[in-house]
């Protein structure tokens, strides 16, 4: 669990710098929703599914994540919110990659813990 904590702390520190560089208010409702959707899409879809279920092909997983992200962007388009600025796209990419890394480390931790229990 130490590695998961390290990934989360380093991710929050880098998120602070990303937000400062792009002048993004992370506590604004829209940005918070975007960041949460992208983080958990990366965490669940990319991080955990790829590590634990190697039967899922990467292209199917790519299409699921792409559908989630595009659905969120289309929803924003109908609400007249412009999320296609370069800053918003880079922020979204960072959140997706951070979520994927955190999910991968968390899944690896769970698998190692399960393997240790089976050895006993």
PDB file of N, CA and C in Angstrom:
ATOM      1  N   UNK A   1       0.825  -1.187   0.000  1.00  0.00           N
ATOM      2  CA  UNK A   1       0.000   0.000   0.000  1.00  0.00           C
ATOM      3  C   UNK A   1       0.866   1.247   0.000  1.00  0.00           C
ATOM      4  N   UNK A   2       2.110   1.072   0.372  1.00  0.00           N
ATOM      5  CA  UNK A   2       3.032   2.201   0.386  1.00  0.00           C
ATOM      6  C   UNK A   2       3.235   2.768  -1.015  1.00  0.00           C
ATOM      7  N   UNK A   3       3.322   1.882  -2.010  1.00  0.00           N
ATOM      8  CA  UNK A   3       3.529   2.349  -3.382  1.00  0.00           C
ATOM      9  C   UNK A   3       2.308   3.102  -3.905  1.00  0.00           C
ATOM     10  N   UNK A   4       1.116   2.678  -3.513  1.00  0.00           N
ATOM     11  CA  UNK A   4      -0.104   3.389  -3.917  1.00  0.00           C
ATOM     12  C   UNK A   4      -0.108   4.787  -3.303  1.00  0.00           C
ATOM     13  N   UNK A   5       0.278   4.884  -2.050  1.00  0.00           N
ATOM     14  CA  UNK A   5       0.354   6.186  -1.388  1.00  0.00           C
ATOM     15  C   UNK A   5       1.372   7.107  -2.041  1.00  0.00           C
ATOM     16  N   UNK A   6       2.496   6.533  -2.428  1.00  0.00           N
ATOM     17  CA  UNK A   6       3.530   7.339  -3.089  1.00  0.00           C
ATOM     18  C   UNK A   6       3.022   7.869  -4.428  1.00  0.00           C
ATOM     19  N   UNK A   7       2.363   7.010  -5.204  1.00  0.00           N
ATOM     20  CA  UNK A   7       1.819   7.436  -6.497  1.00  0.00           C
ATOM     21  C   UNK A   7       0.779   8.541  -6.297  1.00  0.00           C
ATOM     22  N   UNK A   8      -0.068   8.397  -5.290  1.00  0.00           N
ATOM     23  CA  UNK A   8      -1.097   9.404  -5.050  1.00  0.00           C
ATOM     24  C   UNK A   8      -0.485  10.730  -4.597  1.00  0.00           C
ATOM     25  N   UNK A   9       0.473  10.693  -3.692  1.00  0.00           N
ATOM     26  CA  UNK A   9       1.098  11.931  -3.203  1.00  0.00           C
ATOM     27  C   UNK A   9       1.868  12.634  -4.322  1.00  0.00           C
ATOM     28  N   UNK A  10       2.655  11.884  -5.068  1.00  0.00           N
ATOM     29  CA  UNK A  10       3.404  12.486  -6.178  1.00  0.00           C
ATOM     30  C   UNK A  10       2.434  13.021  -7.231  1.00  0.00           C
ATOM     31  N   UNK A  11       1.342  12.301  -7.458  1.00  0.00           N
ATOM     32  CA  UNK A  11       0.338  12.759  -8.410  1.00  0.00           C
ATOM     33  C   UNK A  11      -0.323  14.057  -7.977  1.00  0.00           C
ATOM     34  N   UNK A  12      -0.625  14.178  -6.677  1.00  0.00           N
ATOM     35  CA  UNK A  12      -1.212  15.424  -6.179  1.00  0.00           C
ATOM     36  C   UNK A  12      -0.226  16.589  -6.279  1.00  0.00           C
ATOM     37  N   UNK A  13       1.033  16.319  -6.020  1.00  0.00           N
ATOM     38  CA  UNK A  13       2.037  17.377  -6.133  1.00  0.00           C
ATOM     39  C   UNK A  13       2.153  17.837  -7.586  1.00  0.00           C
ATOM     40  N   UNK A  14       2.233  16.880  -8.501  1.00  0.00           N
ATOM     41  CA  UNK A  14       2.302  17.243  -9.917  1.00  0.00           C
ATOM     42  C   UNK A  14       1.014  17.912 -10.383  1.00  0.00           C
ATOM     43  N   UNK A  15      -0.128  17.501  -9.826  1.00  0.00           N
ATOM     44  CA  UNK A  15      -1.399  18.140 -10.169  1.00  0.00           C
ATOM     45  C   UNK A  15      -1.392  19.606  -9.753  1.00  0.00           C
ATOM     46  N   UNK A  16      -0.793  19.895  -8.611  1.00  0.00           N
ATOM     47  CA  UNK A  16      -0.678  21.283  -8.175  1.00  0.00           C
ATOM     48  C   UNK A  16       0.100  22.102  -9.209  1.00  0.00           C
ATOM     49  N   UNK A  17       1.208  21.561  -9.687  1.00  0.00           N
ATOM     50  CA  UNK A  17       2.013  22.286 -10.669  1.00  0.00           C
ATOM     51  C   UNK A  17       1.309  22.396 -12.023  1.00  0.00           C
ATOM     52  N   UNK A  18       0.599  21.355 -12.425  1.00  0.00           N
ATOM     53  CA  UNK A  18      -0.163  21.412 -13.673  1.00  0.00           C
ATOM     54  C   UNK A  18      -1.251  22.482 -13.568  1.00  0.00           C
ATOM     55  N   UNK A  19      -1.952  22.501 -12.439  1.00  0.00           N
ATOM     56  CA  UNK A  19      -2.998  23.510 -12.239  1.00  0.00           C
ATOM     57  C   UNK A  19      -2.414  24.916 -12.188  1.00  0.00           C
ATOM     58  N   UNK A  20      -1.271  25.067 -11.573  1.00  0.00           N
ATOM     59  CA  UNK A  20      -0.635  26.380 -11.500  1.00  0.00           C
ATOM     60  C   UNK A  20      -0.149  26.824 -12.883  1.00  0.00           C
ATOM     61  N   UNK A  21       0.381  25.904 -13.662  1.00  0.00           N
ATOM     62  CA  UNK A  21       0.885  26.253 -14.988  1.00  0.00           C
ATOM     63  C   UNK A  21      -0.245  26.659 -15.936  1.00  0.00           C
ATOM     64  N   UNK A  22      -1.360  25.956 -15.842  1.00  0.00           N
ATOM     65  CA  UNK A  22      -2.482  26.246 -16.742  1.00  0.00           C
ATOM     66  C   UNK A  22      -3.501  27.198 -16.129  1.00  0.00           C
ATOM     67  N   UNK A  23      -3.241  27.636 -14.890  1.00  0.00           N
ATOM     68  CA  UNK A  23      -4.155  28.524 -14.172  1.00  0.00           C
ATOM     69  C   UNK A  23      -5.566  27.932 -14.117  1.00  0.00           C
ATOM     70  N   UNK A  24      -5.635  26.691 -13.648  1.00  0.00           N
ATOM     71  CA  UNK A  24      -6.897  25.960 -13.541  1.00  0.00           C
ATOM     72  C   UNK A  24      -7.322  25.942 -12.081  1.00  0.00           C
ATOM     73  N   UNK A  25      -8.585  26.273 -11.848  1.00  0.00           N
ATOM     74  CA  UNK A  25      -9.149  26.182 -10.506  1.00  0.00           C
ATOM     75  C   UNK A  25      -9.761  24.794 -10.356  1.00  0.00           C
ATOM     76  N   UNK A  26      -9.060  23.902  -9.682  1.00  0.00           N
ATOM     77  CA  UNK A  26      -9.483  22.510  -9.577  1.00  0.00           C
ATOM     78  C   UNK A  26     -10.792  22.376  -8.807  1.00  0.00           C
ATOM     79  N   UNK A  27     -11.132  23.322  -7.980  1.00  0.00           N
ATOM     80  CA  UNK A  27     -12.342  23.232  -7.159  1.00  0.00           C
ATOM     81  C   UNK A  27     -13.569  23.789  -7.862  1.00  0.00           C
ATOM     82  N   UNK A  28     -13.411  24.292  -9.071  1.00  0.00           N
ATOM     83  CA  UNK A  28     -14.565  24.704  -9.863  1.00  0.00           C
ATOM     84  C   UNK A  28     -15.341  23.447 -10.253  1.00  0.00           C
ATOM     85  N   UNK A  29     -16.653  23.509 -10.234  1.00  0.00           N
ATOM     86  CA  UNK A  29     -17.483  22.326 -10.450  1.00  0.00           C
ATOM     87  C   UNK A  29     -17.214  21.590 -11.741  1.00  0.00           C
ATOM     88  N   UNK A  30     -17.066  22.329 -12.832  1.00  0.00           N
ATOM     89  CA  UNK A  30     -16.856  21.688 -14.128  1.00  0.00           C
ATOM     90  C   UNK A  30     -15.517  20.958 -14.196  1.00  0.00           C
ATOM     91  N   UNK A  31     -14.470  21.617 -13.749  1.00  0.00           N
ATOM     92  CA  UNK A  31     -13.140  20.993 -13.772  1.00  0.00           C
ATOM     93  C   UNK A  31     -13.097  19.788 -12.837  1.00  0.00           C
ATOM     94  N   UNK A  32     -13.762  19.890 -11.707  1.00  0.00           N
ATOM     95  CA  UNK A  32     -13.792  18.779 -10.765  1.00  0.00           C
ATOM     96  C   UNK A  32     -14.482  17.559 -11.378  1.00  0.00           C
ATOM     97  N   UNK A  33     -15.583  17.783 -12.101  1.00  0.00           N
ATOM     98  CA  UNK A  33     -16.272  16.676 -12.772  1.00  0.00           C
ATOM     99  C   UNK A  33     -15.395  16.072 -13.856  1.00  0.00           C
ATOM    100  N   UNK A  34     -14.780  16.912 -14.682  1.00  0.00           N
ATOM    101  CA  UNK A  34     -13.893  16.420 -15.742  1.00  0.00           C
ATOM    102  C   UNK A  34     -12.739  15.618 -15.153  1.00  0.00           C
ATOM    103  N   UNK A  35     -12.104  16.169 -14.146  1.00  0.00           N
ATOM    104  CA  UNK A  35     -10.950  15.498 -13.551  1.00  0.00           C
ATOM    105  C   UNK A  35     -11.338  14.164 -12.934  1.00  0.00           C
ATOM    106  N   UNK A  36     -12.467  14.127 -12.267  1.00  0.00           N
ATOM    107  CA  UNK A  36     -12.915  12.891 -11.630  1.00  0.00           C
ATOM    108  C   UNK A  36     -13.238  11.817 -12.664  1.00  0.00           C
ATOM    109  N   UNK A  37     -13.936  12.201 -13.717  1.00  0.00           N
ATOM    110  CA  UNK A  37     -14.278  11.226 -14.765  1.00  0.00           C
ATOM    111  C   UNK A  37     -13.018  10.665 -15.399  1.00  0.00           C
ATOM    112  N   UNK A  38     -12.077  11.531 -15.722  1.00  0.00           N
ATOM    113  CA  UNK A  38     -10.860  11.050 -16.367  1.00  0.00           C
ATOM    114  C   UNK A  38      -9.987  10.221 -15.432  1.00  0.00           C
ATOM    115  N   UNK A  39      -9.879  10.643 -14.170  1.00  0.00           N
ATOM    116  CA  UNK A  39      -9.071   9.884 -13.221  1.00  0.00           C
ATOM    117  C   UNK A  39      -9.632   8.478 -13.043  1.00  0.00           C
ATOM    118  N   UNK A  40     -10.931   8.375 -12.805  1.00  0.00           N
ATOM    119  CA  UNK A  40     -11.501   7.054 -12.565  1.00  0.00           C
ATOM    120  C   UNK A  40     -11.624   6.225 -13.839  1.00  0.00           C
ATOM    121  N   UNK A  41     -11.737   6.864 -14.991  1.00  0.00           N
ATOM    122  CA  UNK A  41     -11.689   6.109 -16.250  1.00  0.00           C
ATOM    123  C   UNK A  41     -10.311   5.477 -16.397  1.00  0.00           C
ATOM    124  N   UNK A  42      -9.274   6.234 -16.102  1.00  0.00           N
ATOM    125  CA  UNK A  42      -7.925   5.681 -16.153  1.00  0.00           C
ATOM    126  C   UNK A  42      -7.694   4.645 -15.070  1.00  0.00           C
ATOM    127  N   UNK A  43      -8.165   4.929 -13.856  1.00  0.00           N
ATOM    128  CA  UNK A  43      -7.958   4.035 -12.719  1.00  0.00           C
ATOM    129  C   UNK A  43      -8.627   2.686 -12.946  1.00  0.00           C
ATOM    130  N   UNK A  44      -9.903   2.714 -13.285  1.00  0.00           N
ATOM    131  CA  UNK A  44     -10.652   1.470 -13.411  1.00  0.00           C
ATOM    132  C   UNK A  44     -10.367   0.783 -14.745  1.00  0.00           C
ATOM    133  N   UNK A  45     -10.544   1.502 -15.822  1.00  0.00           N
ATOM    134  CA  UNK A  45     -10.448   0.865 -17.131  1.00  0.00           C
ATOM    135  C   UNK A  45      -9.022   0.469 -17.465  1.00  0.00           C
ATOM    136  N   UNK A  46      -8.135   1.418 -17.462  1.00  0.00           N
ATOM    137  CA  UNK A  46      -6.780   1.121 -17.909  1.00  0.00           C
ATOM    138  C   UNK A  46      -5.988   0.407 -16.827  1.00  0.00           C
ATOM    139  N   UNK A  47      -5.988   0.954 -15.627  1.00  0.00           N
ATOM    140  CA  UNK A  47      -5.143   0.417 -14.571  1.00  0.00           C
ATOM    141  C   UNK A  47      -5.516  -0.970 -14.106  1.00  0.00           C
ATOM    142  N   UNK A  48      -6.745  -1.150 -13.708  1.00  0.00           N
ATOM    143  CA  UNK A  48      -7.142  -2.420 -13.099  1.00  0.00           C
ATOM    144  C   UNK A  48      -7.484  -3.466 -14.147  1.00  0.00           C
ATOM    145  N   UNK A  49      -8.287  -3.113 -15.157  1.00  0.00           N
ATOM    146  CA  UNK A  49      -8.680  -4.109 -16.151  1.00  0.00           C
ATOM    147  C   UNK A  49      -7.492  -4.673 -16.893  1.00  0.00           C
ATOM    148  N   UNK A  50      -6.552  -3.846 -17.277  1.00  0.00           N
ATOM    149  CA  UNK A  50      -5.404  -4.341 -18.034  1.00  0.00           C
ATOM    150  C   UNK A  50      -4.544  -5.245 -17.163  1.00  0.00           C
ATOM    151  N   UNK A  51      -4.362  -4.891 -15.908  1.00  0.00           N
ATOM    152  CA  UNK A  51      -3.477  -5.681 -15.057  1.00  0.00           C
ATOM    153  C   UNK A  51      -4.123  -6.998 -14.630  1.00  0.00           C
ATOM    154  N   UNK A  52      -5.379  -6.956 -14.233  1.00  0.00           N
ATOM    155  CA  UNK A  52      -5.992  -8.166 -13.694  1.00  0.00           C
ATOM    156  C   UNK A  52      -6.619  -9.063 -14.751  1.00  0.00           C
ATOM    157  N   UNK A  53      -7.089  -8.501 -15.814  1.00  0.00           N
ATOM    158  CA  UNK A  53      -7.783  -9.289 -16.835  1.00  0.00           C
ATOM    159  C   UNK A  53      -7.052  -9.130 -18.160  1.00  0.00           C
ATOM    160  N   UNK A  54      -6.092  -9.953 -18.386  1.00  0.00           N
ATOM    161  CA  UNK A  54      -5.313  -9.850 -19.609  1.00  0.00           C
ATOM    162  C   UNK A  54      -6.099 -10.330 -20.825  1.00  0.00           C
ATOM    163  N   UNK A  55      -7.304 -10.845 -20.605  1.00  0.00           N
ATOM    164  CA  UNK A  55      -8.127 -11.294 -21.720  1.00  0.00           C
ATOM    165  C   UNK A  55      -8.713 -10.124 -22.494  1.00  0.00           C
ATOM    166  N   UNK A  56      -8.815  -8.960 -21.855  1.00  0.00           N
ATOM    167  CA  UNK A  56      -9.377  -7.793 -22.527  1.00  0.00           C
ATOM    168  C   UNK A  56      -8.313  -7.218 -23.455  1.00  0.00           C
ATOM    169  N   UNK A  57      -8.679  -7.056 -24.703  1.00  0.00           N
ATOM    170  CA  UNK A  57      -7.739  -6.500 -25.662  1.00  0.00           C
ATOM    171  C   UNK A  57      -7.634  -4.991 -25.451  1.00  0.00           C
ATOM    172  N   UNK A  58      -6.468  -4.479 -25.709  1.00  0.00           N
ATOM    173  CA  UNK A  58      -6.213  -3.068 -25.462  1.00  0.00           C
ATOM    174  C   UNK A  58      -7.100  -2.174 -26.322  1.00  0.00           C
ATOM    175  N   UNK A  59      -7.390  -2.571 -27.541  1.00  0.00           N
ATOM    176  CA  UNK A  59      -8.214  -1.730 -28.412  1.00  0.00           C
ATOM    177  C   UNK A  59      -9.633  -1.602 -27.876  1.00  0.00           C
ATOM    178  N   UNK A  60     -10.190  -2.676 -27.315  1.00  0.00           N
ATOM    179  CA  UNK A  60     -11.521  -2.576 -26.710  1.00  0.00           C
ATOM    180  C   UNK A  60     -11.493  -1.610 -25.535  1.00  0.00           C
ATOM    181  N   UNK A  61     -10.464  -1.713 -24.753  1.00  0.00           N
ATOM    182  CA  UNK A  61     -10.306  -0.829 -23.604  1.00  0.00           C
ATOM    183  C   UNK A  61     -10.131   0.614 -24.047  1.00  0.00           C
ATOM    184  N   UNK A  62      -9.374   0.811 -25.096  1.00  0.00           N
ATOM    185  CA  UNK A  62      -9.178   2.148 -25.648  1.00  0.00           C
ATOM    186  C   UNK A  62     -10.516   2.743 -26.092  1.00  0.00           C
ATOM    187  N   UNK A  63     -11.354   1.933 -26.729  1.00  0.00           N
ATOM    188  CA  UNK A  63     -12.651   2.413 -27.188  1.00  0.00           C
ATOM    189  C   UNK A  63     -13.574   2.757 -26.017  1.00  0.00           C
ATOM    190  N   UNK A  64     -13.511   2.000 -24.934  1.00  0.00           N
ATOM    191  CA  UNK A  64     -14.339   2.299 -23.757  1.00  0.00           C
ATOM    192  C   UNK A  64     -13.929   3.630 -23.145  1.00  0.00           C
ATOM    193  N   UNK A  65     -12.644   3.841 -22.965  1.00  0.00           N
ATOM    194  CA  UNK A  65     -12.159   5.102 -22.399  1.00  0.00           C
ATOM    195  C   UNK A  65     -12.467   6.262 -23.332  1.00  0.00           C
ATOM    196  N   UNK A  66     -12.272   6.064 -24.615  1.00  0.00           N
ATOM    197  CA  UNK A  66     -12.582   7.101 -25.593  1.00  0.00           C
ATOM    198  C   UNK A  66     -14.067   7.447 -25.571  1.00  0.00           C
ATOM    199  N   UNK A  67     -14.926   6.451 -25.436  1.00  0.00           N
ATOM    200  CA  UNK A  67     -16.368   6.706 -25.369  1.00  0.00           C
ATOM    201  C   UNK A  67     -16.733   7.508 -24.124  1.00  0.00           C
ATOM    202  N   UNK A  68     -16.127   7.179 -22.979  1.00  0.00           N
ATOM    203  CA  UNK A  68     -16.394   7.941 -21.753  1.00  0.00           C
ATOM    204  C   UNK A  68     -15.964   9.397 -21.892  1.00  0.00           C
ATOM    205  N   UNK A  69     -14.792   9.603 -22.423  1.00  0.00           N
ATOM    206  CA  UNK A  69     -14.263  10.959 -22.570  1.00  0.00           C
ATOM    207  C   UNK A  69     -15.074  11.758 -23.591  1.00  0.00           C
ATOM    208  N   UNK A  70     -15.398  11.130 -24.700  1.00  0.00           N
ATOM    209  CA  UNK A  70     -16.189  11.827 -25.721  1.00  0.00           C
ATOM    210  C   UNK A  70     -17.606  12.116 -25.241  1.00  0.00           C
ATOM    211  N   UNK A  71     -18.200  11.201 -24.496  1.00  0.00           N
ATOM    212  CA  UNK A  71     -19.538  11.452 -23.943  1.00  0.00           C
ATOM    213  C   UNK A  71     -19.521  12.654 -23.010  1.00  0.00           C
ATOM    214  N   UNK A  72     -18.491  12.769 -22.209  1.00  0.00           N
ATOM    215  CA  UNK A  72     -18.369  13.922 -21.321  1.00  0.00           C
ATOM    216  C   UNK A  72     -18.181  15.212 -22.111  1.00  0.00           C
ATOM    217  N   UNK A  73     -17.377  15.170 -23.152  1.00  0.00           N
ATOM    218  CA  UNK A  73     -17.164  16.361 -23.980  1.00  0.00           C
ATOM    219  C   UNK A  73     -18.418  16.747 -24.772  1.00  0.00           C
ATOM    220  N   UNK A  74     -19.157  15.755 -25.248  1.00  0.00           N
ATOM    221  CA  UNK A  74     -20.414  16.058 -25.957  1.00  0.00           C
ATOM    222  C   UNK A  74     -21.440  16.655 -25.003  1.00  0.00           C
ATOM    223  N   UNK A  75     -21.479  16.128 -23.794  1.00  0.00           N
ATOM    224  CA  UNK A  75     -22.381  16.677 -22.777  1.00  0.00           C
ATOM    225  C   UNK A  75     -22.030  18.135 -22.502  1.00  0.00           C
ATOM    226  N   UNK A  76     -20.745  18.433 -22.435  1.00  0.00           N
ATOM    227  CA  UNK A  76     -20.318  19.818 -22.229  1.00  0.00           C
ATOM    228  C   UNK A  76     -20.667  20.702 -23.417  1.00  0.00           C
ATOM    229  N   UNK A  77     -20.575  20.154 -24.620  1.00  0.00           N
ATOM    230  CA  UNK A  77     -20.904  20.934 -25.812  1.00  0.00           C
ATOM    231  C   UNK A  77     -22.369  21.371 -25.786  1.00  0.00           C
ATOM    232  N   UNK A  78     -23.260  20.474 -25.387  1.00  0.00           N
ATOM    233  CA  UNK A  78     -24.676  20.816 -25.328  1.00  0.00           C
ATOM    234  C   UNK A  78     -24.993  21.787 -24.197  1.00  0.00           C
ATOM    235  N   UNK A  79     -24.128  21.866 -23.206  1.00  0.00           N
ATOM    236  CA  UNK A  79     -24.316  22.834 -22.119  1.00  0.00           C
ATOM    237  C   UNK A  79     -23.541  24.122 -22.379  1.00  0.00           C
ATOM    238  N   UNK A  80     -22.975  24.276 -23.573  1.00  0.00           N
ATOM    239  CA  UNK A  80     -22.221  25.470 -23.984  1.00  0.00           C
ATOM    240  C   UNK A  80     -20.991  25.722 -23.113  1.00  0.00           C
ATOM    241  N   UNK A  81     -20.264  24.657 -22.826  1.00  0.00           N
ATOM    242  CA  UNK A  81     -19.007  24.756 -22.087  1.00  0.00           C
ATOM    243  C   UNK A  81     -17.891  24.326 -23.024  1.00  0.00           C
ATOM    244  N   UNK A  82     -16.901  25.185 -23.196  1.00  0.00           N
ATOM    245  CA  UNK A  82     -15.804  24.895 -24.116  1.00  0.00           C
ATOM    246  C   UNK A  82     -14.687  24.164 -23.368  1.00  0.00           C
ATOM    247  N   UNK A  83     -14.608  22.860 -23.594  1.00  0.00           N
ATOM    248  CA  UNK A  83     -13.551  22.068 -22.955  1.00  0.00           C
ATOM    249  C   UNK A  83     -12.511  21.618 -23.970  1.00  0.00           C
ATOM    250  N   UNK A  84     -12.502  22.233 -25.149  1.00  0.00           N
ATOM    251  CA  UNK A  84     -11.553  21.849 -26.183  1.00  0.00           C
ATOM    252  C   UNK A  84     -10.372  22.809 -26.268  1.00  0.00           C
ATOM    253  N   UNK A  85     -10.080  23.480 -25.187  1.00  0.00           N
ATOM    254  CA  UNK A  85      -8.891  24.333 -25.139  1.00  0.00           C
ATOM    255  C   UNK A  85      -7.675  23.443 -24.886  1.00  0.00           C
ATOM    256  N   UNK A  86      -6.508  23.835 -25.371  1.00  0.00           N
ATOM    257  CA  UNK A  86      -5.309  23.000 -25.161  1.00  0.00           C
ATOM    258  C   UNK A  86      -5.009  22.760 -23.677  1.00  0.00           C
ATOM    259  N   UNK A  87      -5.239  23.761 -22.841  1.00  0.00           N
ATOM    260  CA  UNK A  87      -4.975  23.587 -21.408  1.00  0.00           C
ATOM    261  C   UNK A  87      -5.876  22.517 -20.822  1.00  0.00           C
ATOM    262  N   UNK A  88      -7.141  22.537 -21.181  1.00  0.00           N
ATOM    263  CA  UNK A  88      -8.088  21.552 -20.661  1.00  0.00           C
ATOM    264  C   UNK A  88      -7.749  20.151 -21.169  1.00  0.00           C
ATOM    265  N   UNK A  89      -7.308  20.061 -22.404  1.00  0.00           N
ATOM    266  CA  UNK A  89      -6.959  18.751 -22.958  1.00  0.00           C
ATOM    267  C   UNK A  89      -5.710  18.173 -22.291  1.00  0.00           C
ATOM    268  N   UNK A  90      -4.704  19.008 -22.055  1.00  0.00           N
ATOM    269  CA  UNK A  90      -3.502  18.528 -21.368  1.00  0.00           C
ATOM    270  C   UNK A  90      -3.807  18.151 -19.926  1.00  0.00           C
ATOM    271  N   UNK A  91      -4.654  18.926 -19.268  1.00  0.00           N
ATOM    272  CA  UNK A  91      -5.058  18.612 -17.894  1.00  0.00           C
ATOM    273  C   UNK A  91      -5.811  17.276 -17.866  1.00  0.00           C
ATOM    274  N   UNK A  92      -6.689  17.072 -18.837  1.00  0.00           N
ATOM    275  CA  UNK A  92      -7.440  15.822 -18.914  1.00  0.00           C
ATOM    276  C   UNK A  92      -6.518  14.635 -19.183  1.00  0.00           C
ATOM    277  N   UNK A  93      -5.545  14.817 -20.052  1.00  0.00           N
ATOM    278  CA  UNK A  93      -4.592  13.742 -20.343  1.00  0.00           C
ATOM    279  C   UNK A  93      -3.773  13.395 -19.103  1.00  0.00           C
ATOM    280  N   UNK A  94      -3.371  14.415 -18.343  1.00  0.00           N
ATOM    281  CA  UNK A  94      -2.636  14.155 -17.108  1.00  0.00           C
ATOM    282  C   UNK A  94      -3.487  13.354 -16.130  1.00  0.00           C
ATOM    283  N   UNK A  95      -4.747  13.743 -15.973  1.00  0.00           N
ATOM    284  CA  UNK A  95      -5.625  13.039 -15.038  1.00  0.00           C
ATOM    285  C   UNK A  95      -5.843  11.595 -15.475  1.00  0.00           C
ATOM    286  N   UNK A  96      -5.981  11.359 -16.766  1.00  0.00           N
ATOM    287  CA  UNK A  96      -6.166  10.004 -17.273  1.00  0.00           C
ATOM    288  C   UNK A  96      -4.919   9.152 -17.030  1.00  0.00           C
ATOM    289  N   UNK A  97      -3.754   9.691 -17.294  1.00  0.00           N
ATOM    290  CA  UNK A  97      -2.512   8.946 -17.082  1.00  0.00           C
ATOM    291  C   UNK A  97      -2.237   8.706 -15.600  1.00  0.00           C
ATOM    292  N   UNK A  98      -2.527   9.698 -14.774  1.00  0.00           N
ATOM    293  CA  UNK A  98      -2.335   9.525 -13.331  1.00  0.00           C
ATOM    294  C   UNK A  98      -3.288   8.459 -12.800  1.00  0.00           C
ATOM    295  N   UNK A  99      -4.511   8.476 -13.253  1.00  0.00           N
ATOM    296  CA  UNK A  99      -5.465   7.448 -12.839  1.00  0.00           C
ATOM    297  C   UNK A  99      -5.036   6.064 -13.284  1.00  0.00           C
ATOM    298  N   UNK A 100      -4.515   5.955 -14.503  1.00  0.00           N
ATOM    299  CA  UNK A 100      -4.060   4.665 -15.007  1.00  0.00           C
ATOM    300  C   UNK A 100      -2.881   4.141 -14.187  1.00  0.00           C
ATOM    301  N   UNK A 101      -1.947   5.007 -13.864  1.00  0.00           N
ATOM    302  CA  UNK A 101      -0.796   4.595 -13.065  1.00  0.00           C
ATOM    303  C   UNK A 101      -1.226   4.187 -11.663  1.00  0.00           C
ATOM    304  N   UNK A 102      -2.111   4.966 -11.053  1.00  0.00           N
ATOM    305  CA  UNK A 102      -2.600   4.634  -9.705  1.00  0.00           C
ATOM    306  C   UNK A 102      -3.369   3.316  -9.721  1.00  0.00           C
ATOM    307  N   UNK A 103      -4.195   3.096 -10.733  1.00  0.00           N
ATOM    308  CA  UNK A 103      -4.938   1.838 -10.836  1.00  0.00           C
ATOM    309  C   UNK A 103      -4.029   0.645 -11.050  1.00  0.00           C
ATOM    310  N   UNK A 104      -3.003   0.817 -11.856  1.00  0.00           N
ATOM    311  CA  UNK A 104      -2.057  -0.271 -12.107  1.00  0.00           C
ATOM    312  C   UNK A 104      -1.304  -0.642 -10.825  1.00  0.00           C
ATOM    313  N   UNK A 105      -0.834   0.356 -10.109  1.00  0.00           N
ATOM    314  CA  UNK A 105      -0.096   0.094  -8.866  1.00  0.00           C
ATOM    315  C   UNK A 105      -1.016  -0.540  -7.828  1.00  0.00           C
ATOM    316  N   UNK A 106      -2.265  -0.073  -7.747  1.00  0.00           N
ATOM    317  CA  UNK A 106      -3.218  -0.630  -6.798  1.00  0.00           C
ATOM    318  C   UNK A 106      -3.540  -2.083  -7.147  1.00  0.00           C
ATOM    319  N   UNK A 107      -3.758  -2.386  -8.433  1.00  0.00           N
ATOM    320  CA  UNK A 107      -4.048  -3.754  -8.847  1.00  0.00           C
ATOM    321  C   UNK A 107      -2.858  -4.665  -8.598  1.00  0.00           C
ATOM    322  N   UNK A 108      -1.656  -4.170  -8.848  1.00  0.00           N
ATOM    323  CA  UNK A 108      -0.459  -4.965  -8.586  1.00  0.00           C
ATOM    324  C   UNK A 108      -0.324  -5.260  -7.095  1.00  0.00           C
ATOM    325  N   UNK A 109      -0.645  -4.274  -6.260  1.00  0.00           N
ATOM    326  CA  UNK A 109      -0.612  -4.469  -4.810  1.00  0.00           C
ATOM    327  C   UNK A 109      -1.619  -5.532  -4.387  1.00  0.00           C
ATOM    328  N   UNK A 110      -2.844  -5.472  -4.925  1.00  0.00           N
ATOM    329  CA  UNK A 110      -3.858  -6.470  -4.580  1.00  0.00           C
ATOM    330  C   UNK A 110      -3.447  -7.866  -5.009  1.00  0.00           C
ATOM    331  N   UNK A 111      -2.855  -7.979  -6.191  1.00  0.00           N
ATOM    332  CA  UNK A 111      -2.433  -9.288  -6.671  1.00  0.00           C
ATOM    333  C   UNK A 111      -1.293  -9.845  -5.820  1.00  0.00           C
ATOM    334  N   UNK A 112      -0.342  -9.008  -5.449  1.00  0.00           N
ATOM    335  CA  UNK A 112       0.755  -9.461  -4.590  1.00  0.00           C
ATOM    336  C   UNK A 112       0.234  -9.900  -3.229  1.00  0.00           C
ATOM    337  N   UNK A 113      -0.726  -9.165  -2.700  1.00  0.00           N
ATOM    338  CA  UNK A 113      -1.316  -9.513  -1.406  1.00  0.00           C
ATOM    339  C   UNK A 113      -2.050 -10.842  -1.494  1.00  0.00           C
ATOM    340  N   UNK A 114      -2.789 -11.061  -2.593  1.00  0.00           N
ATOM    341  CA  UNK A 114      -3.505 -12.313  -2.800  1.00  0.00           C
ATOM    342  C   UNK A 114      -2.539 -13.481  -2.948  1.00  0.00           C
ATOM    343  N   UNK A 115      -1.449 -13.276  -3.672  1.00  0.00           N
ATOM    344  CA  UNK A 115      -0.454 -14.329  -3.855  1.00  0.00           C
ATOM    345  C   UNK A 115       0.224 -14.683  -2.543  1.00  0.00           C
ATOM    346  N   UNK A 116       0.464 -13.715  -1.683  1.00  0.00           N
ATOM    347  CA  UNK A 116       1.075 -13.988  -0.380  1.00  0.00           C
ATOM    348  C   UNK A 116       0.142 -14.804   0.501  1.00  0.00           C
ATOM    349  N   UNK A 117      -1.167 -14.529   0.427  1.00  0.00           N
ATOM    350  CA  UNK A 117      -2.123 -15.309   1.212  1.00  0.00           C
ATOM    351  C   UNK A 117      -2.192 -16.751   0.731  1.00  0.00           C
ATOM    352  N   UNK A 118      -2.052 -16.968  -0.561  1.00  0.00           N
ATOM    353  CA  UNK A 118      -2.132 -18.322  -1.097  1.00  0.00           C
ATOM    354  C   UNK A 118      -0.903 -19.140  -0.724  1.00  0.00           C
ATOM    355  N   UNK A 119       0.228 -18.476  -0.526  1.00  0.00           N
ATOM    356  CA  UNK A 119       1.447 -19.182  -0.136  1.00  0.00           C
ATOM    357  C   UNK A 119       1.364 -19.697   1.291  1.00  0.00           C
ATOM    358  N   UNK A 120       0.606 -18.998   2.132  1.00  0.00           N
ATOM    359  CA  UNK A 120       0.490 -19.411   3.532  1.00  0.00           C
ATOM    360  C   UNK A 120      -0.429 -20.550   3.627  1.00  0.00           C
TER     361      UNK A 120
END
